[in-house]
Amino acid sequence: MDPLAPSLPVLHDRVNRWYAANARALPWRLPGTSAWAVLVSEVMSHQTPVARVEPVWREWLARWPTPADLAAEAPGEAVRAWGRLGYPRRALRLHQAARAIVERHGGQVPTTEEALRALPGIGAYTAAAVACFAFRQPTVVVDTNVRRVLVRTLLAEAQAAPAMIRSEHDLAVAALPEDRDDAVVWNVAAMELGALVCTARSPRCDVCPVADLCAWNRAGRPAYTGPLRRGQAWEGTDRQARGALLGVLRAATAPVSGADLREVWPADPQRMRCLDSLVADGLVEPLAGDRYRLPA
């Protein structure tokens, strides 16, 4: 760690106390929230702002309050209900996970990180997050916000690497509080600090509870010199085309004709390429007579 890095117990205490006073009142953080509701929130929140997630999360939990409820539906209904959250394959993964929970675990979300990781579509981050936030296990939960908080406060670096590297994971392990309860709070508190204060573009060091301890701030906030993150284009891309085509299918109550899809995206080669990719991803089912529907 940087010689300017603060004492970890002091850092933990400051950040956890800040969280107790400043945490957003997100519904999946309320006492009594089911592990299934936490799992749904974590999958939905991946690369998606919380403000967009919350209304869809509420609708999902009202319709499918348990894994068995979702598992009993066709996968296309999960895709339909996903709306415009983006990365719609996540809806299919949740549906697959729900079926696996019913088949392997009697409809109960498994409690261990290992068992969670074995569910379809559940990666290391989501498994750790559910184990920690739903079952209060002091595992290491590392998202983009946590990585940024750690490299700034402990290493005096402006940003984390574009993708997590082993040294950042090791840093998170070393930074986890020894006390079980403190560790559980620290995971969500560091995440919240990164989301609200220690942001990527405009960090609010003037209101940060650890500004006087932060190695990056004490070093004069040196500029980032690592590899650049590449922004993702949208207009005219395959991502936009896929979203437009899927939007027509989500809104339809019956199979959609190829002619209907041509109206929303006239560019023939791109439309067909994107339709093929949607079929390959399991998001669209082709039918006889040049018709398409969400997976049944």
C-alpha atoms as a PDB file:
ATOM      1  CA  MET A   1       0.000   0.000   0.000  1.00  0.00           C
ATOM      2  CA  ASP A   2       1.007   3.608  -0.471  1.00  0.00           C
ATOM      3  CA  PRO A   3       2.880   5.125   2.500  1.00  0.00           C
ATOM      4  CA  LEU A   4       0.151   7.791   2.631  1.00  0.00           C
ATOM      5  CA  ALA A   5      -2.554   5.133   3.049  1.00  0.00           C
ATOM      6  CA  PRO A   6      -4.677   5.395   6.201  1.00  0.00           C
ATOM      7  CA  SER A   7      -5.000   2.885   8.995  1.00  0.00           C
ATOM      8  CA  LEU A   8      -7.550   0.315   7.865  1.00  0.00           C
ATOM      9  CA  PRO A   9      -9.534   0.243  11.143  1.00  0.00           C
ATOM     10  CA  VAL A  10      -9.912   4.029  10.976  1.00  0.00           C
ATOM     11  CA  LEU A  11     -10.952   3.846   7.324  1.00  0.00           C
ATOM     12  CA  HIS A  12     -13.510   1.139   8.098  1.00  0.00           C
ATOM     13  CA  ASP A  13     -14.965   3.071  11.004  1.00  0.00           C
ATOM     14  CA  ARG A  14     -15.286   6.330   9.044  1.00  0.00           C
ATOM     15  CA  VAL A  15     -16.835   4.769   5.951  1.00  0.00           C
ATOM     16  CA  ASN A  16     -19.240   2.546   7.896  1.00  0.00           C
ATOM     17  CA  ARG A  17     -20.420   5.450  10.052  1.00  0.00           C
ATOM     18  CA  TRP A  18     -20.866   7.601   6.944  1.00  0.00           C
ATOM     19  CA  TYR A  19     -22.972   4.840   5.382  1.00  0.00           C
ATOM     20  CA  ALA A  20     -25.192   4.585   8.447  1.00  0.00           C
ATOM     21  CA  ALA A  21     -26.062   8.265   8.065  1.00  0.00           C
ATOM     22  CA  ASN A  22     -26.118   8.620   4.258  1.00  0.00           C
ATOM     23  CA  ALA A  23     -27.157   5.342   2.634  1.00  0.00           C
ATOM     24  CA  ARG A  24     -29.828   5.522  -0.027  1.00  0.00           C
ATOM     25  CA  ALA A  25     -33.139   3.969   0.993  1.00  0.00           C
ATOM     26  CA  LEU A  26     -33.120   1.261  -1.673  1.00  0.00           C
ATOM     27  CA  PRO A  27     -35.948  -1.274  -1.282  1.00  0.00           C
ATOM     28  CA  TRP A  28     -33.707  -4.348  -1.514  1.00  0.00           C
ATOM     29  CA  ARG A  29     -31.791  -3.103   1.531  1.00  0.00           C
ATOM     30  CA  LEU A  30     -34.833  -3.144   3.803  1.00  0.00           C
ATOM     31  CA  PRO A  31     -34.910  -5.675   6.671  1.00  0.00           C
ATOM     32  CA  GLY A  32     -36.784  -8.789   5.735  1.00  0.00           C
ATOM     33  CA  THR A  33     -35.978  -8.572   2.024  1.00  0.00           C
ATOM     34  CA  SER A  34     -35.799 -12.103   0.627  1.00  0.00           C
ATOM     35  CA  ALA A  35     -32.612 -13.578  -0.796  1.00  0.00           C
ATOM     36  CA  TRP A  36     -34.436 -13.931  -4.124  1.00  0.00           C
ATOM     37  CA  ALA A  37     -35.221 -10.205  -4.133  1.00  0.00           C
ATOM     38  CA  VAL A  38     -31.567  -9.436  -3.410  1.00  0.00           C
ATOM     39  CA  LEU A  39     -30.461 -11.747  -6.219  1.00  0.00           C
ATOM     40  CA  VAL A  40     -32.824 -10.070  -8.691  1.00  0.00           C
ATOM     41  CA  SER A  41     -31.565  -6.619  -7.649  1.00  0.00           C
ATOM     42  CA  GLU A  42     -27.941  -7.602  -8.142  1.00  0.00           C
ATOM     43  CA  VAL A  43     -28.503  -9.036 -11.614  1.00  0.00           C
ATOM     44  CA  MET A  44     -30.577  -6.024 -12.679  1.00  0.00           C
ATOM     45  CA  SER A  45     -28.099  -3.488 -11.286  1.00  0.00           C
ATOM     46  CA  HIS A  46     -25.133  -4.761 -13.298  1.00  0.00           C
ATOM     47  CA  GLN A  47     -24.081  -1.841 -15.542  1.00  0.00           C
ATOM     48  CA  THR A  48     -27.483  -0.207 -15.003  1.00  0.00           C
ATOM     49  CA  PRO A  49     -28.317   2.889 -12.891  1.00  0.00           C
ATOM     50  CA  VAL A  50     -30.309   2.216  -9.738  1.00  0.00           C
ATOM     51  CA  ALA A  51     -32.990   4.740 -10.750  1.00  0.00           C
ATOM     52  CA  ARG A  52     -33.823   2.604 -13.789  1.00  0.00           C
ATOM     53  CA  VAL A  53     -33.653  -0.658 -11.869  1.00  0.00           C
ATOM     54  CA  GLU A  54     -35.981   0.115  -8.971  1.00  0.00           C
ATOM     55  CA  PRO A  55     -39.347   0.302 -10.819  1.00  0.00           C
ATOM     56  CA  VAL A  56     -38.618  -2.829 -12.864  1.00  0.00           C
ATOM     57  CA  TRP A  57     -37.410  -4.647  -9.733  1.00  0.00           C
ATOM     58  CA  ARG A  58     -40.675  -3.783  -7.956  1.00  0.00           C
ATOM     59  CA  GLU A  59     -42.739  -5.067 -10.902  1.00  0.00           C
ATOM     60  CA  TRP A  60     -40.737  -8.315 -11.067  1.00  0.00           C
ATOM     61  CA  LEU A  61     -41.079  -9.022  -7.350  1.00  0.00           C
ATOM     62  CA  ALA A  62     -44.795  -8.243  -7.425  1.00  0.00           C
ATOM     63  CA  ARG A  63     -45.252 -10.722 -10.282  1.00  0.00           C
ATOM     64  CA  TRP A  64     -42.602 -13.285  -9.310  1.00  0.00           C
ATOM     65  CA  PRO A  65     -41.992 -13.074  -5.538  1.00  0.00           C
ATOM     66  CA  THR A  66     -40.231 -16.448  -5.476  1.00  0.00           C
ATOM     67  CA  PRO A  67     -37.940 -18.356  -7.844  1.00  0.00           C
ATOM     68  CA  ALA A  68     -40.720 -20.905  -8.381  1.00  0.00           C
ATOM     69  CA  ASP A  69     -43.056 -18.187  -9.642  1.00  0.00           C
ATOM     70  CA  LEU A  70     -40.592 -17.131 -12.321  1.00  0.00           C
ATOM     71  CA  ALA A  71     -39.563 -20.687 -13.165  1.00  0.00           C
ATOM     72  CA  ALA A  72     -43.206 -21.556 -13.939  1.00  0.00           C
ATOM     73  CA  GLU A  73     -43.355 -18.892 -16.669  1.00  0.00           C
ATOM     74  CA  ALA A  74     -42.024 -19.091 -20.223  1.00  0.00           C
ATOM     75  CA  PRO A  75     -38.565 -17.509 -20.563  1.00  0.00           C
ATOM     76  CA  GLY A  76     -40.016 -15.029 -23.030  1.00  0.00           C
ATOM     77  CA  GLU A  77     -42.085 -13.495 -20.236  1.00  0.00           C
ATOM     78  CA  ALA A  78     -38.887 -12.684 -18.361  1.00  0.00           C
ATOM     79  CA  VAL A  79     -37.516 -11.007 -21.497  1.00  0.00           C
ATOM     80  CA  ARG A  80     -40.764  -9.080 -21.927  1.00  0.00           C
ATOM     81  CA  ALA A  81     -40.815  -7.884 -18.325  1.00  0.00           C
ATOM     82  CA  TRP A  82     -37.161  -6.860 -18.520  1.00  0.00           C
ATOM     83  CA  GLY A  83     -38.254  -3.850 -20.563  1.00  0.00           C
ATOM     84  CA  ARG A  84     -35.469  -1.482 -21.547  1.00  0.00           C
ATOM     85  CA  LEU A  85     -33.000  -2.252 -18.777  1.00  0.00           C
ATOM     86  CA  GLY A  86     -30.434  -3.321 -21.363  1.00  0.00           C
ATOM     87  CA  TYR A  87     -28.374  -6.493 -21.711  1.00  0.00           C
ATOM     88  CA  PRO A  88     -31.578  -8.582 -21.941  1.00  0.00           C
ATOM     89  CA  ARG A  89     -29.701 -11.882 -21.740  1.00  0.00           C
ATOM     90  CA  ARG A  90     -29.678 -11.153 -18.004  1.00  0.00           C
ATOM     91  CA  ALA A  91     -33.439 -11.818 -18.009  1.00  0.00           C
ATOM     92  CA  LEU A  92     -32.853 -15.273 -19.473  1.00  0.00           C
ATOM     93  CA  ARG A  93     -30.104 -15.947 -16.944  1.00  0.00           C
ATOM     94  CA  LEU A  94     -32.410 -15.045 -14.082  1.00  0.00           C
ATOM     95  CA  HIS A  95     -35.041 -17.360 -15.502  1.00  0.00           C
ATOM     96  CA  GLN A  96     -32.476 -20.165 -15.827  1.00  0.00           C
ATOM     97  CA  ALA A  97     -31.250 -19.502 -12.287  1.00  0.00           C
ATOM     98  CA  ALA A  98     -34.819 -19.619 -10.978  1.00  0.00           C
ATOM     99  CA  ARG A  99     -35.373 -23.023 -12.566  1.00  0.00           C
ATOM    100  CA  ALA A 100     -32.085 -24.300 -11.174  1.00  0.00           C
ATOM    101  CA  ILE A 101     -33.002 -23.038  -7.685  1.00  0.00           C
ATOM    102  CA  VAL A 102     -36.297 -24.951  -7.887  1.00  0.00           C
ATOM    103  CA  GLU A 103     -34.709 -28.121  -9.273  1.00  0.00           C
ATOM    104  CA  ARG A 104     -31.564 -28.215  -7.124  1.00  0.00           C
ATOM    105  CA  HIS A 105     -32.474 -26.342  -3.941  1.00  0.00           C
ATOM    106  CA  GLY A 106     -36.191 -26.887  -3.387  1.00  0.00           C
ATOM    107  CA  GLY A 107     -37.027 -23.327  -4.429  1.00  0.00           C
ATOM    108  CA  GLN A 108     -34.766 -21.702  -1.826  1.00  0.00           C
ATOM    109  CA  VAL A 109     -31.862 -19.479  -2.879  1.00  0.00           C
ATOM    110  CA  PRO A 110     -28.683 -21.291  -1.773  1.00  0.00           C
ATOM    111  CA  THR A 111     -26.803 -19.692   1.076  1.00  0.00           C
ATOM    112  CA  THR A 112     -23.181 -20.348   0.124  1.00  0.00           C
ATOM    113  CA  GLU A 113     -21.082 -18.462  -2.362  1.00  0.00           C
ATOM    114  CA  GLU A 114     -20.029 -21.735  -3.982  1.00  0.00           C
ATOM    115  CA  ALA A 115     -23.602 -22.914  -4.537  1.00  0.00           C
ATOM    116  CA  LEU A 116     -24.668 -19.503  -5.805  1.00  0.00           C
ATOM    117  CA  ARG A 117     -21.777 -19.457  -8.255  1.00  0.00           C
ATOM    118  CA  ALA A 118     -22.954 -22.821  -9.620  1.00  0.00           C
ATOM    119  CA  LEU A 119     -26.304 -21.342 -10.709  1.00  0.00           C
ATOM    120  CA  PRO A 120     -26.645 -20.556 -14.440  1.00  0.00           C
ATOM    121  CA  GLY A 121     -25.511 -17.045 -15.295  1.00  0.00           C
ATOM    122  CA  ILE A 122     -24.356 -16.169 -11.767  1.00  0.00           C
ATOM    123  CA  GLY A 123     -20.775 -14.924 -11.735  1.00  0.00           C
ATOM    124  CA  ALA A 124     -18.282 -14.320  -8.961  1.00  0.00           C
ATOM    125  CA  TYR A 125     -19.473 -10.809  -8.107  1.00  0.00           C
ATOM    126  CA  THR A 126     -23.180 -11.668  -7.935  1.00  0.00           C
ATOM    127  CA  ALA A 127     -22.546 -14.810  -5.880  1.00  0.00           C
ATOM    128  CA  ALA A 128     -20.446 -12.849  -3.380  1.00  0.00           C
ATOM    129  CA  ALA A 129     -22.965 -10.000  -3.217  1.00  0.00           C
ATOM    130  CA  VAL A 130     -25.921 -12.282  -2.495  1.00  0.00           C
ATOM    131  CA  ALA A 131     -23.940 -14.287   0.071  1.00  0.00           C
ATOM    132  CA  CYS A 132     -23.020 -11.046   1.828  1.00  0.00           C
ATOM    133  CA  PHE A 133     -26.133  -8.896   1.501  1.00  0.00           C
ATOM    134  CA  ALA A 134     -28.774 -11.638   1.800  1.00  0.00           C
ATOM    135  CA  PHE A 135     -27.028 -14.012   4.218  1.00  0.00           C
ATOM    136  CA  ARG A 136     -24.567 -11.666   5.970  1.00  0.00           C
ATOM    137  CA  GLN A 137     -21.505 -13.687   5.072  1.00  0.00           C
ATOM    138  CA  PRO A 138     -18.267 -11.650   5.316  1.00  0.00           C
ATOM    139  CA  THR A 139     -17.087 -12.468   1.816  1.00  0.00           C
ATOM    140  CA  VAL A 140     -15.281 -10.001  -0.468  1.00  0.00           C
ATOM    141  CA  VAL A 141     -17.657  -8.051  -2.722  1.00  0.00           C
ATOM    142  CA  VAL A 142     -15.836  -6.023  -5.359  1.00  0.00           C
ATOM    143  CA  ASP A 143     -17.573  -3.909  -7.989  1.00  0.00           C
ATOM    144  CA  THR A 144     -16.307  -0.913  -9.968  1.00  0.00           C
ATOM    145  CA  ASN A 145     -17.167   1.508  -7.167  1.00  0.00           C
ATOM    146  CA  VAL A 146     -15.342  -0.512  -4.518  1.00  0.00           C
ATOM    147  CA  ARG A 147     -12.284  -0.878  -6.727  1.00  0.00           C
ATOM    148  CA  ARG A 148     -12.122   2.877  -7.246  1.00  0.00           C
ATOM    149  CA  VAL A 149     -12.469   3.639  -3.531  1.00  0.00           C
ATOM    150  CA  LEU A 150      -9.716   1.178  -2.656  1.00  0.00           C
ATOM    151  CA  VAL A 151      -7.148   2.250  -5.248  1.00  0.00           C
ATOM    152  CA  ARG A 152      -7.665   5.901  -4.342  1.00  0.00           C
ATOM    153  CA  THR A 153      -7.634   5.627  -0.581  1.00  0.00           C
ATOM    154  CA  LEU A 154      -4.946   2.952  -0.301  1.00  0.00           C
ATOM    155  CA  LEU A 155      -2.779   3.212  -3.443  1.00  0.00           C
ATOM    156  CA  ALA A 156      -3.041   6.924  -4.354  1.00  0.00           C
ATOM    157  CA  GLU A 157      -4.217   6.013  -7.859  1.00  0.00           C
ATOM    158  CA  ALA A 158      -6.871   8.030  -9.657  1.00  0.00           C
ATOM    159  CA  GLN A 159      -8.749   5.111 -11.196  1.00  0.00           C
ATOM    160  CA  ALA A 160      -8.900   1.355 -11.129  1.00  0.00           C
ATOM    161  CA  ALA A 161      -7.860  -0.624 -14.199  1.00  0.00           C
ATOM    162  CA  PRO A 162     -10.462  -0.929 -17.010  1.00  0.00           C
ATOM    163  CA  ALA A 163     -11.064  -4.529 -15.914  1.00  0.00           C
ATOM    164  CA  MET A 164     -10.347  -5.973 -12.500  1.00  0.00           C
ATOM    165  CA  ILE A 165      -6.871  -7.412 -12.120  1.00  0.00           C
ATOM    166  CA  ARG A 166      -5.657  -9.895  -9.524  1.00  0.00           C
ATOM    167  CA  SER A 167      -3.829  -7.280  -7.472  1.00  0.00           C
ATOM    168  CA  GLU A 168      -7.069  -5.323  -7.012  1.00  0.00           C
ATOM    169  CA  HIS A 169      -8.857  -8.419  -5.758  1.00  0.00           C
ATOM    170  CA  ASP A 170      -5.979  -9.106  -3.379  1.00  0.00           C
ATOM    171  CA  LEU A 171      -6.217  -5.507  -2.177  1.00  0.00           C
ATOM    172  CA  ALA A 172      -9.926  -5.947  -1.456  1.00  0.00           C
ATOM    173  CA  VAL A 173      -9.211  -9.123   0.500  1.00  0.00           C
ATOM    174  CA  ALA A 174      -6.539  -7.346   2.546  1.00  0.00           C
ATOM    175  CA  ALA A 175      -8.863  -4.395   3.185  1.00  0.00           C
ATOM    176  CA  LEU A 176     -11.808  -6.450   4.494  1.00  0.00           C
ATOM    177  CA  PRO A 177     -12.496  -5.853   8.209  1.00  0.00           C
ATOM    178  CA  GLU A 178     -11.813  -8.783  10.513  1.00  0.00           C
ATOM    179  CA  ASP A 179     -15.078  -8.393  12.410  1.00  0.00           C
ATOM    180  CA  ARG A 180     -17.926 -10.193  10.637  1.00  0.00           C
ATOM    181  CA  ASP A 181     -20.553  -7.472  11.078  1.00  0.00           C
ATOM    182  CA  ASP A 182     -18.118  -4.713  10.157  1.00  0.00           C
ATOM    183  CA  ALA A 183     -17.128  -6.637   7.025  1.00  0.00           C
ATOM    184  CA  VAL A 184     -20.738  -7.008   5.874  1.00  0.00           C
ATOM    185  CA  VAL A 185     -21.389  -3.287   6.323  1.00  0.00           C
ATOM    186  CA  TRP A 186     -18.033  -2.327   4.791  1.00  0.00           C
ATOM    187  CA  ASN A 187     -18.867  -4.110   1.539  1.00  0.00           C
ATOM    188  CA  VAL A 188     -21.998  -2.096   0.930  1.00  0.00           C
ATOM    189  CA  ALA A 189     -20.626   1.101   2.519  1.00  0.00           C
ATOM    190  CA  ALA A 190     -17.542   1.230   0.277  1.00  0.00           C
ATOM    191  CA  MET A 191     -19.797   0.555  -2.715  1.00  0.00           C
ATOM    192  CA  GLU A 192     -22.117   3.389  -1.709  1.00  0.00           C
ATOM    193  CA  LEU A 193     -19.228   5.784  -1.136  1.00  0.00           C
ATOM    194  CA  GLY A 194     -17.977   5.093  -4.650  1.00  0.00           C
ATOM    195  CA  ALA A 195     -21.440   5.548  -6.148  1.00  0.00           C
ATOM    196  CA  LEU A 196     -22.294   8.808  -4.383  1.00  0.00           C
ATOM    197  CA  VAL A 197     -19.044  10.563  -3.421  1.00  0.00           C
ATOM    198  CA  CYS A 198     -15.893   8.940  -4.791  1.00  0.00           C
ATOM    199  CA  THR A 199     -17.244   8.973  -8.334  1.00  0.00           C
ATOM    200  CA  ALA A 200     -15.182   8.349 -11.445  1.00  0.00           C
ATOM    201  CA  ARG A 201     -15.470  11.731 -13.180  1.00  0.00           C
ATOM    202  CA  SER A 202     -16.243  14.289 -10.483  1.00  0.00           C
ATOM    203  CA  PRO A 203     -15.253  12.990  -7.035  1.00  0.00           C
ATOM    204  CA  ARG A 204     -16.780  15.068  -4.237  1.00  0.00           C
ATOM    205  CA  CYS A 205     -13.728  15.170  -2.011  1.00  0.00           C
ATOM    206  CA  ASP A 206     -15.146  18.180  -0.173  1.00  0.00           C
ATOM    207  CA  VAL A 207     -17.821  15.990   1.428  1.00  0.00           C
ATOM    208  CA  CYS A 208     -15.919  12.702   1.585  1.00  0.00           C
ATOM    209  CA  PRO A 209     -15.715  11.248   5.112  1.00  0.00           C
ATOM    210  CA  VAL A 210     -12.152  10.028   4.490  1.00  0.00           C
ATOM    211  CA  ALA A 211     -10.758  12.895   2.404  1.00  0.00           C
ATOM    212  CA  ASP A 212      -8.118  13.657   5.021  1.00  0.00           C
ATOM    213  CA  LEU A 213      -7.082   9.993   5.100  1.00  0.00           C
ATOM    214  CA  CYS A 214      -7.193   9.227   1.364  1.00  0.00           C
ATOM    215  CA  ALA A 215      -3.754   8.539  -0.131  1.00  0.00           C
ATOM    216  CA  TRP A 216      -4.804   9.904  -3.532  1.00  0.00           C
ATOM    217  CA  ASN A 217      -6.158  13.130  -2.067  1.00  0.00           C
ATOM    218  CA  ARG A 218      -3.127  13.586   0.185  1.00  0.00           C
ATOM    219  CA  ALA A 219      -0.824  13.053  -2.799  1.00  0.00           C
ATOM    220  CA  GLY A 220      -2.442  15.950  -4.647  1.00  0.00           C
ATOM    221  CA  ARG A 221      -4.893  13.848  -6.668  1.00  0.00           C
ATOM    222  CA  PRO A 222      -2.452  12.783  -9.415  1.00  0.00           C
ATOM    223  CA  ALA A 223      -3.942  12.148 -12.850  1.00  0.00           C
ATOM    224  CA  TYR A 224      -4.706   8.682 -14.144  1.00  0.00           C
ATOM    225  CA  THR A 225      -1.943   7.339 -16.391  1.00  0.00           C
ATOM    226  CA  GLY A 226      -3.171   3.812 -17.084  1.00  0.00           C
ATOM    227  CA  PRO A 227      -4.985   2.382 -20.125  1.00  0.00           C
ATOM    228  CA  LEU A 228      -8.056   4.308 -21.216  1.00  0.00           C
ATOM    229  CA  ARG A 229     -11.592   3.020 -21.066  1.00  0.00           C
ATOM    230  CA  ARG A 230     -13.296   3.000 -24.436  1.00  0.00           C
ATOM    231  CA  GLY A 231     -16.767   4.496 -24.630  1.00  0.00           C
ATOM    232  CA  GLN A 232     -19.481   2.504 -26.396  1.00  0.00           C
ATOM    233  CA  ALA A 233     -21.208   4.014 -29.419  1.00  0.00           C
ATOM    234  CA  TRP A 234     -24.967   3.588 -29.758  1.00  0.00           C
ATOM    235  CA  GLU A 235     -26.494   5.339 -32.785  1.00  0.00           C
ATOM    236  CA  GLY A 236     -26.744   2.987 -35.744  1.00  0.00           C
ATOM    237  CA  THR A 237     -24.968   0.111 -33.985  1.00  0.00           C
ATOM    238  CA  ASP A 238     -26.000  -3.527 -33.760  1.00  0.00           C
ATOM    239  CA  ARG A 239     -26.810  -2.878 -30.101  1.00  0.00           C
ATOM    240  CA  GLN A 240     -29.378  -0.264 -31.112  1.00  0.00           C
ATOM    241  CA  ALA A 241     -30.785  -2.512 -33.836  1.00  0.00           C
ATOM    242  CA  ARG A 242     -31.116  -5.468 -31.471  1.00  0.00           C
ATOM    243  CA  GLY A 243     -32.890  -3.266 -28.935  1.00  0.00           C
ATOM    244  CA  ALA A 244     -35.320  -1.958 -31.535  1.00  0.00           C
ATOM    245  CA  LEU A 245     -36.161  -5.432 -32.838  1.00  0.00           C
ATOM    246  CA  LEU A 246     -36.569  -6.855 -29.356  1.00  0.00           C
ATOM    247  CA  GLY A 247     -38.790  -3.906 -28.430  1.00  0.00           C
ATOM    248  CA  VAL A 248     -41.272  -4.846 -31.165  1.00  0.00           C
ATOM    249  CA  LEU A 249     -41.365  -8.450 -29.974  1.00  0.00           C
ATOM    250  CA  ARG A 250     -41.796  -7.444 -26.313  1.00  0.00           C
ATOM    251  CA  ALA A 251     -44.764  -5.246 -27.206  1.00  0.00           C
ATOM    252  CA  ALA A 252     -46.483  -7.909 -29.306  1.00  0.00           C
ATOM    253  CA  THR A 253     -48.992 -10.430 -27.965  1.00  0.00           C
ATOM    254  CA  ALA A 254     -48.668 -12.668 -31.034  1.00  0.00           C
ATOM    255  CA  PRO A 255     -45.803 -13.668 -33.361  1.00  0.00           C
ATOM    256  CA  VAL A 256     -44.355 -10.785 -35.369  1.00  0.00           C
ATOM    257  CA  SER A 257     -43.760 -10.956 -39.112  1.00  0.00           C
ATOM    258  CA  GLY A 258     -40.477 -10.227 -40.806  1.00  0.00           C
ATOM    259  CA  ALA A 259     -42.270  -7.343 -42.574  1.00  0.00           C
ATOM    260  CA  ASP A 260     -43.069  -5.745 -39.193  1.00  0.00           C
ATOM    261  CA  LEU A 261     -39.423  -6.000 -38.188  1.00  0.00           C
ATOM    262  CA  ARG A 262     -38.303  -4.457 -41.492  1.00  0.00           C
ATOM    263  CA  GLU A 263     -40.405  -1.412 -40.684  1.00  0.00           C
ATOM    264  CA  VAL A 264     -38.572  -0.761 -37.415  1.00  0.00           C
ATOM    265  CA  TRP A 265     -35.105  -1.484 -38.880  1.00  0.00           C
ATOM    266  CA  PRO A 266     -35.029  -1.262 -42.713  1.00  0.00           C
ATOM    267  CA  ALA A 267     -31.298  -1.942 -43.197  1.00  0.00           C
ATOM    268  CA  ASP A 268     -31.470  -5.539 -44.499  1.00  0.00           C
ATOM    269  CA  PRO A 269     -27.993  -6.940 -43.809  1.00  0.00           C
ATOM    270  CA  GLN A 270     -27.789  -5.441 -40.325  1.00  0.00           C
ATOM    271  CA  ARG A 271     -31.350  -6.415 -39.400  1.00  0.00           C
ATOM    272  CA  MET A 272     -30.844 -10.027 -40.413  1.00  0.00           C
ATOM    273  CA  ARG A 273     -27.471 -10.178 -38.667  1.00  0.00           C
ATOM    274  CA  CYS A 274     -29.013  -8.854 -35.477  1.00  0.00           C
ATOM    275  CA  LEU A 275     -32.015 -11.179 -35.717  1.00  0.00           C
ATOM    276  CA  ASP A 276     -29.643 -14.106 -36.104  1.00  0.00           C
ATOM    277  CA  SER A 277     -27.712 -12.995 -33.038  1.00  0.00           C
ATOM    278  CA  LEU A 278     -30.916 -12.627 -31.000  1.00  0.00           C
ATOM    279  CA  VAL A 279     -31.917 -16.154 -32.009  1.00  0.00           C
ATOM    280  CA  ALA A 280     -28.451 -17.457 -31.132  1.00  0.00           C
ATOM    281  CA  ASP A 281     -28.701 -15.801 -27.709  1.00  0.00           C
ATOM    282  CA  GLY A 282     -32.037 -17.479 -27.035  1.00  0.00           C
ATOM    283  CA  LEU A 283     -33.893 -14.165 -26.899  1.00  0.00           C
ATOM    284  CA  VAL A 284     -35.941 -14.718 -30.062  1.00  0.00           C
ATOM    285  CA  GLU A 285     -37.578 -17.826 -31.477  1.00  0.00           C
ATOM    286  CA  PRO A 286     -37.992 -18.084 -35.291  1.00  0.00           C
ATOM    287  CA  LEU A 287     -41.226 -19.622 -36.581  1.00  0.00           C
ATOM    288  CA  ALA A 288     -42.423 -20.879 -39.952  1.00  0.00           C
ATOM    289  CA  GLY A 289     -43.622 -18.270 -42.427  1.00  0.00           C
ATOM    290  CA  ASP A 290     -41.016 -15.613 -41.595  1.00  0.00           C
ATOM    291  CA  ARG A 291     -42.447 -14.985 -38.136  1.00  0.00           C
ATOM    292  CA  TYR A 292     -40.735 -14.450 -34.772  1.00  0.00           C
ATOM    293  CA  ARG A 293     -41.652 -14.439 -31.094  1.00  0.00           C
ATOM    294  CA  LEU A 294     -40.070 -14.312 -27.655  1.00  0.00           C
ATOM    295  CA  PRO A 295     -38.946 -17.765 -26.416  1.00  0.00           C
ATOM    296  CA  ALA A 296     -41.768 -19.997 -25.221  1.00  0.00           C
END
